[in-house]
Amino acid sequence: MPTDSTRLHAVFDLAMRIGEGLLTNGAAASEVTATVLRVTSSSGLRNVSVQVTFNEVTISYLADESATPFTRVRSASERVQDFARLAAFEDVSHGYLSGELPLDEARRQASAIPQRQPLYRIPWWSPVSPSWAVLRRSSSVRAASWCSPRPSLPGC
């Protein structure tokens, strides 16, 4: 049977992995906050505070008035719109919240999601890529000039 401290660390680990995973794969800050609070609350933790910025998730827990706050911060390294990974993190959180996944299994699954290969990649030259938008807006850029750095592109 794990100690209270071990369980607290395990719950925080799961909450942080899910929070970071949701944030880096396209979830809104409000969704990340709500999901992290549901995970910690379902684990029996009260007095939890969650802050989500553009690239960071912070979770703090205050056991009682005289205790020292337990705080963890996790930075999101790269933000992408990967809806397959986003759905996988949501599946893990729903599985844990419903009781279908025990804590250790939920942690294992959440830690495996970032290791998966993306189902799709949007090339830098795609019409939806930000670099393509810059090229299209620039009236002084000719087709030959944007092809020259990467002559391997089709049509160059």
C-alpha atoms as a PDB file:
ATOM      1  CA  MET A   1       0.000   0.000   0.000  1.00  0.00           C
ATOM      2  CA  PRO A   2       1.559   3.327  -1.038  1.00  0.00           C
ATOM      3  CA  THR A   3       2.055   6.044   1.540  1.00  0.00           C
ATOM      4  CA  ASP A   4       0.074   9.272   1.334  1.00  0.00           C
ATOM      5  CA  SER A   5       3.145  11.089   0.033  1.00  0.00           C
ATOM      6  CA  THR A   6       3.714   8.465  -2.657  1.00  0.00           C
ATOM      7  CA  ARG A   7       0.074   8.629  -3.714  1.00  0.00           C
ATOM      8  CA  LEU A   8       0.187  12.439  -3.771  1.00  0.00           C
ATOM      9  CA  HIS A   9       3.216  12.333  -6.068  1.00  0.00           C
ATOM     10  CA  ALA A  10       1.532   9.747  -8.306  1.00  0.00           C
ATOM     11  CA  VAL A  11      -1.680  11.795  -8.589  1.00  0.00           C
ATOM     12  CA  PHE A  12       0.324  14.949  -9.336  1.00  0.00           C
ATOM     13  CA  ASP A  13       2.366  13.071 -11.928  1.00  0.00           C
ATOM     14  CA  LEU A  14      -0.803  11.904 -13.688  1.00  0.00           C
ATOM     15  CA  ALA A  15      -2.440  15.334 -13.471  1.00  0.00           C
ATOM     16  CA  MET A  16       0.691  17.059 -14.810  1.00  0.00           C
ATOM     17  CA  ARG A  17       1.113  14.604 -17.688  1.00  0.00           C
ATOM     18  CA  ILE A  18      -2.520  14.967 -18.690  1.00  0.00           C
ATOM     19  CA  GLY A  19      -2.432  18.757 -18.279  1.00  0.00           C
ATOM     20  CA  GLU A  20       0.731  19.182 -20.313  1.00  0.00           C
ATOM     21  CA  GLY A  21      -0.485  16.712 -22.923  1.00  0.00           C
ATOM     22  CA  LEU A  22      -3.779  18.504 -23.379  1.00  0.00           C
ATOM     23  CA  LEU A  23      -2.082  21.909 -23.543  1.00  0.00           C
ATOM     24  CA  THR A  24       0.623  20.905 -26.033  1.00  0.00           C
ATOM     25  CA  ASN A  25      -1.861  19.200 -28.347  1.00  0.00           C
ATOM     26  CA  GLY A  26      -4.371  21.989 -28.733  1.00  0.00           C
ATOM     27  CA  ALA A  27      -6.728  22.082 -25.735  1.00  0.00           C
ATOM     28  CA  ALA A  28      -7.904  25.405 -24.359  1.00  0.00           C
ATOM     29  CA  ALA A  29      -6.548  26.570 -20.998  1.00  0.00           C
ATOM     30  CA  SER A  30     -10.010  26.287 -19.458  1.00  0.00           C
ATOM     31  CA  GLU A  31     -10.286  22.656 -20.580  1.00  0.00           C
ATOM     32  CA  VAL A  32      -6.839  21.849 -19.184  1.00  0.00           C
ATOM     33  CA  THR A  33      -7.720  23.472 -15.852  1.00  0.00           C
ATOM     34  CA  ALA A  34     -11.059  21.681 -15.571  1.00  0.00           C
ATOM     35  CA  THR A  35      -9.581  18.280 -16.438  1.00  0.00           C
ATOM     36  CA  VAL A  36      -6.673  18.620 -13.999  1.00  0.00           C
ATOM     37  CA  LEU A  37      -9.084  19.673 -11.235  1.00  0.00           C
ATOM     38  CA  ARG A  38     -11.330  16.666 -11.987  1.00  0.00           C
ATOM     39  CA  VAL A  39      -8.345  14.295 -11.823  1.00  0.00           C
ATOM     40  CA  THR A  40      -7.082  15.689  -8.502  1.00  0.00           C
ATOM     41  CA  SER A  41     -10.586  15.947  -7.018  1.00  0.00           C
ATOM     42  CA  SER A  42     -11.479  12.364  -7.966  1.00  0.00           C
ATOM     43  CA  SER A  43      -8.290  11.297  -6.177  1.00  0.00           C
ATOM     44  CA  GLY A  44      -9.519  12.892  -2.967  1.00  0.00           C
ATOM     45  CA  LEU A  45      -7.412  16.040  -3.070  1.00  0.00           C
ATOM     46  CA  ARG A  46      -9.141  19.263  -2.062  1.00  0.00           C
ATOM     47  CA  ASN A  47      -7.642  22.772  -1.921  1.00  0.00           C
ATOM     48  CA  VAL A  48      -5.956  22.346  -5.302  1.00  0.00           C
ATOM     49  CA  SER A  49      -5.095  25.350  -7.433  1.00  0.00           C
ATOM     50  CA  VAL A  50      -4.335  25.076 -11.160  1.00  0.00           C
ATOM     51  CA  GLN A  51      -2.854  27.804 -13.327  1.00  0.00           C
ATOM     52  CA  VAL A  52      -2.438  27.370 -17.067  1.00  0.00           C
ATOM     53  CA  THR A  53      -0.583  29.795 -19.300  1.00  0.00           C
ATOM     54  CA  PHE A  54       0.278  29.539 -22.975  1.00  0.00           C
ATOM     55  CA  ASN A  55       3.143  27.123 -22.298  1.00  0.00           C
ATOM     56  CA  GLU A  56       2.967  26.100 -18.638  1.00  0.00           C
ATOM     57  CA  VAL A  57       0.822  24.144 -16.196  1.00  0.00           C
ATOM     58  CA  THR A  58       1.161  24.785 -12.446  1.00  0.00           C
ATOM     59  CA  ILE A  59      -0.629  22.726  -9.795  1.00  0.00           C
ATOM     60  CA  SER A  60      -0.538  23.542  -6.077  1.00  0.00           C
ATOM     61  CA  TYR A  61      -2.013  21.562  -3.204  1.00  0.00           C
ATOM     62  CA  LEU A  62      -2.493  22.818   0.342  1.00  0.00           C
ATOM     63  CA  ALA A  63      -3.287  19.946   2.711  1.00  0.00           C
ATOM     64  CA  ASP A  64      -4.302  22.280   5.569  1.00  0.00           C
ATOM     65  CA  GLU A  65      -3.722  25.799   6.873  1.00  0.00           C
ATOM     66  CA  SER A  66      -0.464  24.915   8.639  1.00  0.00           C
ATOM     67  CA  ALA A  67       1.017  22.791   5.836  1.00  0.00           C
ATOM     68  CA  THR A  68       3.534  23.873   3.257  1.00  0.00           C
ATOM     69  CA  PRO A  69       2.004  23.998  -0.242  1.00  0.00           C
ATOM     70  CA  PHE A  70       3.006  21.181  -2.582  1.00  0.00           C
ATOM     71  CA  THR A  71       3.556  22.748  -6.017  1.00  0.00           C
ATOM     72  CA  ARG A  72       4.632  21.368  -9.369  1.00  0.00           C
ATOM     73  CA  VAL A  73       5.280  23.287 -12.585  1.00  0.00           C
ATOM     74  CA  ARG A  74       5.560  21.754 -16.030  1.00  0.00           C
ATOM     75  CA  SER A  75       6.501  23.595 -19.213  1.00  0.00           C
ATOM     76  CA  ALA A  76       4.971  22.623 -22.522  1.00  0.00           C
ATOM     77  CA  SER A  77       7.841  22.363 -24.960  1.00  0.00           C
ATOM     78  CA  GLU A  78       6.084  22.517 -28.326  1.00  0.00           C
ATOM     79  CA  ARG A  79       2.462  23.292 -29.100  1.00  0.00           C
ATOM     80  CA  VAL A  80       0.882  21.508 -32.039  1.00  0.00           C
ATOM     81  CA  GLN A  81      -2.626  20.668 -33.168  1.00  0.00           C
ATOM     82  CA  ASP A  82      -2.515  16.877 -32.853  1.00  0.00           C
ATOM     83  CA  PHE A  83      -6.080  15.764 -32.332  1.00  0.00           C
ATOM     84  CA  ALA A  84      -5.167  12.058 -32.125  1.00  0.00           C
ATOM     85  CA  ARG A  85      -2.885  12.692 -29.144  1.00  0.00           C
ATOM     86  CA  LEU A  86      -5.412  15.112 -27.657  1.00  0.00           C
ATOM     87  CA  ALA A  87      -8.074  12.387 -27.847  1.00  0.00           C
ATOM     88  CA  ALA A  88      -5.659   9.872 -26.299  1.00  0.00           C
ATOM     89  CA  PHE A  89      -5.054  12.147 -23.292  1.00  0.00           C
ATOM     90  CA  GLU A  90      -8.799  12.679 -22.938  1.00  0.00           C
ATOM     91  CA  ASP A  91      -9.338   8.896 -23.071  1.00  0.00           C
ATOM     92  CA  VAL A  92      -6.826   8.380 -20.261  1.00  0.00           C
ATOM     93  CA  SER A  93      -8.430  11.066 -18.115  1.00  0.00           C
ATOM     94  CA  HIS A  94     -11.941   9.676 -18.714  1.00  0.00           C
ATOM     95  CA  GLY A  95     -10.722   6.142 -17.977  1.00  0.00           C
ATOM     96  CA  TYR A  96      -9.167   7.268 -14.703  1.00  0.00           C
ATOM     97  CA  LEU A  97     -12.151   9.388 -13.677  1.00  0.00           C
ATOM     98  CA  SER A  98     -14.612   6.579 -14.392  1.00  0.00           C
ATOM     99  CA  GLY A  99     -12.532   4.094 -12.406  1.00  0.00           C
ATOM    100  CA  GLU A 100     -11.775   1.903 -15.412  1.00  0.00           C
ATOM    101  CA  LEU A 101      -8.046   2.706 -15.182  1.00  0.00           C
ATOM    102  CA  PRO A 102      -6.151   2.414 -11.893  1.00  0.00           C
ATOM    103  CA  LEU A 103      -3.723   5.223 -11.072  1.00  0.00           C
ATOM    104  CA  ASP A 104      -0.557   3.374 -12.100  1.00  0.00           C
ATOM    105  CA  GLU A 105      -2.022   2.228 -15.430  1.00  0.00           C
ATOM    106  CA  ALA A 106      -3.309   5.732 -16.192  1.00  0.00           C
ATOM    107  CA  ARG A 107       0.163   7.129 -15.488  1.00  0.00           C
ATOM    108  CA  ARG A 108       1.756   4.519 -17.751  1.00  0.00           C
ATOM    109  CA  GLN A 109      -0.655   5.256 -20.602  1.00  0.00           C
ATOM    110  CA  ALA A 110      -0.304   9.040 -20.228  1.00  0.00           C
ATOM    111  CA  SER A 111       3.501   8.797 -20.311  1.00  0.00           C
ATOM    112  CA  ALA A 112       3.379   6.659 -23.483  1.00  0.00           C
ATOM    113  CA  ILE A 113       1.258   9.070 -25.541  1.00  0.00           C
ATOM    114  CA  PRO A 114       4.023  11.614 -26.357  1.00  0.00           C
ATOM    115  CA  GLN A 115       6.219   8.761 -27.628  1.00  0.00           C
ATOM    116  CA  ARG A 116       3.736   7.866 -30.369  1.00  0.00           C
ATOM    117  CA  GLN A 117       4.405   8.930 -33.931  1.00  0.00           C
ATOM    118  CA  PRO A 118       2.012  11.659 -35.107  1.00  0.00           C
ATOM    119  CA  LEU A 119      -0.728  10.426 -37.413  1.00  0.00           C
ATOM    120  CA  TYR A 120      -0.148  13.377 -39.731  1.00  0.00           C
ATOM    121  CA  ARG A 121       2.297  16.217 -40.334  1.00  0.00           C
ATOM    122  CA  ILE A 122       1.590  19.509 -42.038  1.00  0.00           C
ATOM    123  CA  PRO A 123       4.595  20.448 -44.218  1.00  0.00           C
ATOM    124  CA  TRP A 124       6.089  23.911 -43.774  1.00  0.00           C
ATOM    125  CA  TRP A 125       5.118  24.822 -47.352  1.00  0.00           C
ATOM    126  CA  SER A 126       1.475  23.822 -46.951  1.00  0.00           C
ATOM    127  CA  PRO A 127      -1.177  26.495 -47.563  1.00  0.00           C
ATOM    128  CA  VAL A 128      -2.146  26.251 -43.872  1.00  0.00           C
ATOM    129  CA  SER A 129       1.440  26.646 -42.653  1.00  0.00           C
ATOM    130  CA  PRO A 130       2.392  30.088 -41.222  1.00  0.00           C
ATOM    131  CA  SER A 131       5.513  30.245 -43.426  1.00  0.00           C
ATOM    132  CA  TRP A 132       3.348  29.822 -46.531  1.00  0.00           C
ATOM    133  CA  ALA A 133       1.136  32.710 -45.417  1.00  0.00           C
ATOM    134  CA  VAL A 134       4.164  34.987 -45.129  1.00  0.00           C
ATOM    135  CA  LEU A 135       5.291  34.019 -48.630  1.00  0.00           C
ATOM    136  CA  ARG A 136       1.847  34.591 -50.118  1.00  0.00           C
ATOM    137  CA  ARG A 137       1.493  38.027 -48.508  1.00  0.00           C
ATOM    138  CA  SER A 138       4.840  39.291 -49.698  1.00  0.00           C
ATOM    139  CA  SER A 139       4.371  40.868 -53.106  1.00  0.00           C
ATOM    140  CA  SER A 140       8.124  40.961 -53.757  1.00  0.00           C
ATOM    141  CA  VAL A 141       8.602  37.197 -53.425  1.00  0.00           C
ATOM    142  CA  ARG A 142       8.710  35.344 -56.722  1.00  0.00           C
ATOM    143  CA  ALA A 143       8.256  31.607 -57.099  1.00  0.00           C
ATOM    144  CA  ALA A 144      11.933  31.108 -57.932  1.00  0.00           C
ATOM    145  CA  SER A 145      13.091  32.943 -54.792  1.00  0.00           C
ATOM    146  CA  TRP A 146      11.079  30.832 -52.362  1.00  0.00           C
ATOM    147  CA  CYS A 147      12.093  27.606 -54.088  1.00  0.00           C
ATOM    148  CA  SER A 148      15.809  28.307 -54.029  1.00  0.00           C
ATOM    149  CA  PRO A 149      16.517  27.355 -50.376  1.00  0.00           C
ATOM    150  CA  ARG A 150      14.759  24.014 -50.836  1.00  0.00           C
ATOM    151  CA  PRO A 151      15.170  22.879 -54.439  1.00  0.00           C
ATOM    152  CA  SER A 152      13.812  19.440 -53.560  1.00  0.00           C
ATOM    153  CA  LEU A 153      10.243  20.794 -53.372  1.00  0.00           C
ATOM    154  CA  PRO A 154       7.855  19.702 -56.130  1.00  0.00           C
ATOM    155  CA  GLY A 155       7.666  22.330 -58.842  1.00  0.00           C
ATOM    156  CA  CYS A 156      11.008  23.951 -58.023  1.00  0.00           C
END
